[in-house]
């Protein structure tokens, strides 16, 4: 887990004690790609949605889109989004 700082008045980039709102999370891209590979792999291997109910909603509406947003290259994100859309359509048709 990496935290980055937008600006700091402290030397060496130490966060201001009174203002942590300047900190934000930077995921490790290796972890983002591994998680996408895992989730899309589960989708490809399944005949029906591998998740049910609120977990399915969480992955479809939040986790998968957020993981794609974390990728710095637009073309890589587009490839993942296309793979997710294809598997989503296939799994929806199977239901």
N, C-alpha and C. Protein backbone atom coordinates (compact mmCIF):
# COMPACT_ATOMS: atom_id res chain seq x y z
N UNK A 1 0.86 -1.17 0.00
CA UNK A 1 0.00 0.00 0.00
C UNK A 1 0.90 1.22 0.00
N UNK A 2 0.62 2.13 -0.90
CA UNK A 2 1.43 3.33 -1.00
C UNK A 2 0.54 4.55 -0.84
N UNK A 3 1.00 5.46 -0.02
CA UNK A 3 0.31 6.74 0.11
C UNK A 3 1.19 7.80 -0.52
N UNK A 4 0.60 8.64 -1.30
CA UNK A 4 1.34 9.74 -1.91
C UNK A 4 0.81 11.04 -1.35
N UNK A 5 1.59 12.05 -1.48
CA UNK A 5 1.19 13.34 -0.94
C UNK A 5 1.18 14.37 -2.05
N UNK A 6 0.11 15.14 -2.11
CA UNK A 6 0.00 16.17 -3.13
C UNK A 6 1.00 17.29 -2.89
N UNK A 7 1.03 17.82 -1.69
CA UNK A 7 1.96 18.88 -1.33
C UNK A 7 2.23 18.77 0.16
N UNK A 8 3.37 19.22 0.59
CA UNK A 8 3.68 19.20 2.00
C UNK A 8 4.54 20.38 2.35
N UNK A 9 4.27 20.94 3.51
CA UNK A 9 5.11 22.03 3.98
C UNK A 9 6.24 21.50 4.84
N UNK A 10 6.23 20.18 5.07
CA UNK A 10 7.26 19.53 5.89
C UNK A 10 8.43 19.07 5.01
N UNK A 11 9.64 19.08 5.56
CA UNK A 11 10.78 18.58 4.80
C UNK A 11 10.66 17.08 4.57
N UNK A 12 11.27 16.58 3.52
CA UNK A 12 11.32 15.16 3.18
C UNK A 12 9.94 14.58 2.90
N UNK A 13 8.96 15.40 2.59
CA UNK A 13 7.65 14.92 2.24
C UNK A 13 6.83 14.36 3.37
N UNK A 14 7.20 14.62 4.60
CA UNK A 14 6.43 14.13 5.75
C UNK A 14 5.06 14.79 5.74
N UNK A 15 4.00 14.04 6.02
CA UNK A 15 2.66 14.64 5.99
C UNK A 15 2.46 15.64 7.12
N UNK A 16 1.66 16.65 6.83
CA UNK A 16 1.26 17.59 7.86
C UNK A 16 0.37 16.86 8.85
N UNK A 17 0.64 17.00 10.13
CA UNK A 17 -0.13 16.31 11.16
C UNK A 17 -1.58 16.78 11.16
N UNK A 18 -1.81 18.05 10.89
CA UNK A 18 -3.14 18.62 10.98
C UNK A 18 -3.97 18.44 9.71
N UNK A 19 -3.37 18.01 8.61
CA UNK A 19 -4.12 17.93 7.36
C UNK A 19 -3.76 16.67 6.58
N UNK A 20 -4.46 15.58 6.88
CA UNK A 20 -4.24 14.34 6.14
C UNK A 20 -5.06 14.27 4.87
N UNK A 21 -5.86 15.30 4.58
CA UNK A 21 -6.69 15.28 3.38
C UNK A 21 -5.84 15.36 2.11
N UNK A 22 -4.59 15.70 2.24
CA UNK A 22 -3.71 15.78 1.08
C UNK A 22 -3.15 14.42 0.68
N UNK A 23 -3.39 13.39 1.47
CA UNK A 23 -2.88 12.07 1.16
C UNK A 23 -3.88 11.30 0.29
N UNK A 24 -3.37 10.51 -0.62
CA UNK A 24 -4.22 9.66 -1.44
C UNK A 24 -3.50 8.34 -1.69
N UNK A 25 -4.26 7.33 -2.03
CA UNK A 25 -3.73 5.98 -2.20
C UNK A 25 -3.28 5.75 -3.63
N UNK A 26 -2.09 5.20 -3.79
CA UNK A 26 -1.57 4.79 -5.09
C UNK A 26 -1.40 3.27 -5.07
N UNK A 27 -2.22 2.52 -5.80
CA UNK A 27 -2.08 1.07 -5.79
C UNK A 27 -0.86 0.64 -6.58
N UNK A 28 -0.33 -0.50 -6.24
CA UNK A 28 0.75 -1.08 -7.03
C UNK A 28 0.12 -1.68 -8.28
N UNK A 29 0.60 -1.29 -9.44
CA UNK A 29 0.00 -1.73 -10.69
C UNK A 29 0.05 -3.24 -10.85
N UNK A 30 1.05 -3.88 -10.31
CA UNK A 30 1.14 -5.34 -10.37
C UNK A 30 -0.06 -5.96 -9.68
N UNK A 31 -0.45 -5.41 -8.55
CA UNK A 31 -1.60 -5.93 -7.81
C UNK A 31 -2.91 -5.68 -8.56
N UNK A 32 -3.02 -4.52 -9.19
CA UNK A 32 -4.22 -4.20 -9.97
C UNK A 32 -4.36 -5.20 -11.12
N UNK A 33 -3.27 -5.42 -11.84
CA UNK A 33 -3.32 -6.36 -12.98
C UNK A 33 -3.59 -7.79 -12.52
N UNK A 34 -2.97 -8.20 -11.42
CA UNK A 34 -3.22 -9.56 -10.90
C UNK A 34 -4.67 -9.73 -10.49
N UNK A 35 -5.26 -8.72 -9.88
CA UNK A 35 -6.65 -8.80 -9.45
C UNK A 35 -7.58 -8.85 -10.65
N UNK A 36 -7.30 -8.04 -11.67
CA UNK A 36 -8.10 -8.10 -12.89
C UNK A 36 -8.00 -9.47 -13.54
N UNK A 37 -6.78 -10.01 -13.64
CA UNK A 37 -6.60 -11.35 -14.21
C UNK A 37 -7.39 -12.39 -13.44
N UNK A 38 -7.37 -12.31 -12.12
CA UNK A 38 -8.09 -13.26 -11.29
C UNK A 38 -9.60 -13.16 -11.50
N UNK A 39 -10.14 -11.95 -11.43
CA UNK A 39 -11.58 -11.77 -11.54
C UNK A 39 -12.11 -12.11 -12.93
N UNK A 40 -11.42 -11.64 -13.97
CA UNK A 40 -11.86 -11.96 -15.33
C UNK A 40 -11.66 -13.44 -15.61
N UNK A 41 -10.62 -14.03 -15.07
CA UNK A 41 -10.41 -15.48 -15.20
C UNK A 41 -11.55 -16.27 -14.58
N UNK A 42 -12.02 -15.84 -13.42
CA UNK A 42 -13.18 -16.50 -12.79
C UNK A 42 -14.42 -16.37 -13.67
N UNK A 43 -14.59 -15.20 -14.25
CA UNK A 43 -15.74 -14.98 -15.13
C UNK A 43 -15.66 -15.89 -16.35
N UNK A 44 -14.48 -15.98 -16.97
CA UNK A 44 -14.31 -16.81 -18.17
C UNK A 44 -14.53 -18.29 -17.87
N UNK A 45 -14.14 -18.73 -16.70
CA UNK A 45 -14.25 -20.14 -16.34
C UNK A 45 -15.67 -20.54 -15.93
N UNK A 46 -16.51 -19.56 -15.64
CA UNK A 46 -17.85 -19.84 -15.12
C UNK A 46 -18.89 -19.96 -16.24
N UNK A 47 -19.84 -20.86 -16.02
CA UNK A 47 -20.97 -20.96 -16.94
C UNK A 47 -22.05 -19.95 -16.57
N UNK A 48 -22.12 -19.63 -15.28
CA UNK A 48 -23.04 -18.61 -14.76
C UNK A 48 -22.20 -17.70 -13.87
N UNK A 49 -22.79 -16.58 -13.49
CA UNK A 49 -22.06 -15.64 -12.64
C UNK A 49 -21.44 -16.35 -11.44
N UNK A 50 -20.15 -16.14 -11.19
CA UNK A 50 -19.51 -16.80 -10.04
C UNK A 50 -19.86 -16.15 -8.69
N UNK A 51 -20.56 -15.03 -8.73
CA UNK A 51 -20.97 -14.34 -7.51
C UNK A 51 -22.48 -14.16 -7.54
N UNK A 52 -23.05 -14.00 -6.37
CA UNK A 52 -24.50 -13.82 -6.26
C UNK A 52 -24.82 -12.56 -5.46
N UNK A 53 -26.00 -12.03 -5.69
CA UNK A 53 -26.55 -10.95 -4.87
C UNK A 53 -25.68 -9.72 -4.77
N UNK A 54 -25.47 -9.28 -3.54
CA UNK A 54 -24.75 -8.03 -3.30
C UNK A 54 -23.27 -8.13 -3.67
N UNK A 55 -22.71 -9.33 -3.61
CA UNK A 55 -21.30 -9.50 -4.02
C UNK A 55 -21.17 -9.28 -5.52
N UNK A 56 -22.11 -9.82 -6.28
CA UNK A 56 -22.12 -9.60 -7.73
C UNK A 56 -22.24 -8.10 -8.04
N UNK A 57 -23.15 -7.44 -7.37
CA UNK A 57 -23.33 -6.01 -7.58
C UNK A 57 -22.06 -5.24 -7.23
N UNK A 58 -21.43 -5.61 -6.14
CA UNK A 58 -20.18 -4.96 -5.74
C UNK A 58 -19.11 -5.10 -6.82
N UNK A 59 -18.89 -6.32 -7.31
CA UNK A 59 -17.86 -6.53 -8.33
C UNK A 59 -18.21 -5.84 -9.64
N UNK A 60 -19.46 -5.96 -10.10
CA UNK A 60 -19.85 -5.37 -11.38
C UNK A 60 -19.82 -3.85 -11.35
N UNK A 61 -20.35 -3.27 -10.30
CA UNK A 61 -20.55 -1.82 -10.27
C UNK A 61 -19.39 -1.05 -9.65
N UNK A 62 -18.59 -1.70 -8.84
CA UNK A 62 -17.55 -0.96 -8.12
C UNK A 62 -16.14 -1.49 -8.37
N UNK A 63 -15.91 -2.76 -8.06
CA UNK A 63 -14.54 -3.29 -8.07
C UNK A 63 -13.94 -3.29 -9.47
N UNK A 64 -14.61 -3.92 -10.43
CA UNK A 64 -14.03 -4.01 -11.78
C UNK A 64 -13.83 -2.64 -12.42
N UNK A 65 -14.82 -1.73 -12.38
CA UNK A 65 -14.56 -0.40 -12.95
C UNK A 65 -13.44 0.35 -12.25
N UNK A 66 -13.38 0.23 -10.93
CA UNK A 66 -12.33 0.93 -10.17
C UNK A 66 -10.95 0.40 -10.52
N UNK A 67 -10.83 -0.90 -10.67
CA UNK A 67 -9.54 -1.48 -11.06
C UNK A 67 -9.10 -0.95 -12.42
N UNK A 68 -10.02 -0.86 -13.37
CA UNK A 68 -9.67 -0.32 -14.69
C UNK A 68 -9.25 1.14 -14.61
N UNK A 69 -9.88 1.89 -13.74
CA UNK A 69 -9.52 3.31 -13.57
C UNK A 69 -8.10 3.47 -13.03
N UNK A 70 -7.62 2.48 -12.31
CA UNK A 70 -6.29 2.58 -11.71
C UNK A 70 -5.16 2.38 -12.72
N UNK A 71 -5.48 1.84 -13.89
CA UNK A 71 -4.45 1.59 -14.90
C UNK A 71 -4.05 2.90 -15.57
N UNK A 72 -2.75 3.17 -15.69
CA UNK A 72 -2.31 4.45 -16.24
C UNK A 72 -2.46 4.54 -17.76
N UNK A 73 -2.41 3.41 -18.46
CA UNK A 73 -2.49 3.43 -19.92
C UNK A 73 -3.93 3.23 -20.37
N UNK A 74 -4.43 4.17 -21.14
CA UNK A 74 -5.82 4.11 -21.59
C UNK A 74 -6.09 2.89 -22.45
N UNK A 75 -5.13 2.48 -23.27
CA UNK A 75 -5.34 1.32 -24.14
C UNK A 75 -5.42 0.03 -23.33
N UNK A 76 -4.63 -0.08 -22.29
CA UNK A 76 -4.70 -1.26 -21.42
C UNK A 76 -6.04 -1.30 -20.68
N UNK A 77 -6.47 -0.16 -20.18
CA UNK A 77 -7.76 -0.09 -19.50
C UNK A 77 -8.89 -0.45 -20.46
N UNK A 78 -8.81 0.01 -21.70
CA UNK A 78 -9.84 -0.29 -22.70
C UNK A 78 -9.89 -1.79 -23.01
N UNK A 79 -8.73 -2.44 -23.07
CA UNK A 79 -8.70 -3.89 -23.31
C UNK A 79 -9.37 -4.64 -22.18
N UNK A 80 -9.09 -4.25 -20.93
CA UNK A 80 -9.72 -4.90 -19.79
C UNK A 80 -11.22 -4.63 -19.78
N UNK A 81 -11.62 -3.41 -20.08
CA UNK A 81 -13.04 -3.07 -20.10
C UNK A 81 -13.78 -3.87 -21.17
N UNK A 82 -13.14 -4.08 -22.32
CA UNK A 82 -13.75 -4.87 -23.39
C UNK A 82 -13.89 -6.33 -22.96
N UNK A 83 -12.87 -6.86 -22.31
CA UNK A 83 -12.93 -8.25 -21.83
C UNK A 83 -14.03 -8.40 -20.78
N UNK A 84 -14.13 -7.43 -19.89
CA UNK A 84 -15.16 -7.46 -18.85
C UNK A 84 -16.55 -7.36 -19.48
N UNK A 85 -16.71 -6.47 -20.45
CA UNK A 85 -18.01 -6.30 -21.11
C UNK A 85 -18.42 -7.58 -21.84
N UNK A 86 -17.47 -8.23 -22.50
CA UNK A 86 -17.79 -9.47 -23.22
C UNK A 86 -18.22 -10.57 -22.24
N UNK A 87 -17.51 -10.71 -21.15
CA UNK A 87 -17.86 -11.74 -20.17
C UNK A 87 -19.16 -11.40 -19.46
N UNK A 88 -19.40 -10.12 -19.21
CA UNK A 88 -20.65 -9.70 -18.58
C UNK A 88 -21.84 -10.05 -19.47
N UNK A 89 -21.71 -9.77 -20.77
CA UNK A 89 -22.79 -10.08 -21.71
C UNK A 89 -23.03 -11.59 -21.77
N UNK A 90 -21.96 -12.37 -21.80
CA UNK A 90 -22.10 -13.82 -21.86
C UNK A 90 -22.76 -14.37 -20.62
N UNK A 91 -22.31 -13.90 -19.45
CA UNK A 91 -22.88 -14.39 -18.19
C UNK A 91 -24.31 -13.92 -17.99
N UNK A 92 -24.63 -12.70 -18.42
CA UNK A 92 -26.00 -12.21 -18.32
C UNK A 92 -26.93 -13.07 -19.20
N UNK A 93 -26.45 -13.44 -20.38
CA UNK A 93 -27.25 -14.26 -21.29
C UNK A 93 -27.49 -15.65 -20.73
N UNK A 94 -26.56 -16.13 -19.92
CA UNK A 94 -26.68 -17.47 -19.33
C UNK A 94 -27.68 -17.52 -18.19
N UNK A 95 -28.00 -16.37 -17.62
CA UNK A 95 -28.92 -16.34 -16.47
C UNK A 95 -30.34 -16.53 -16.87
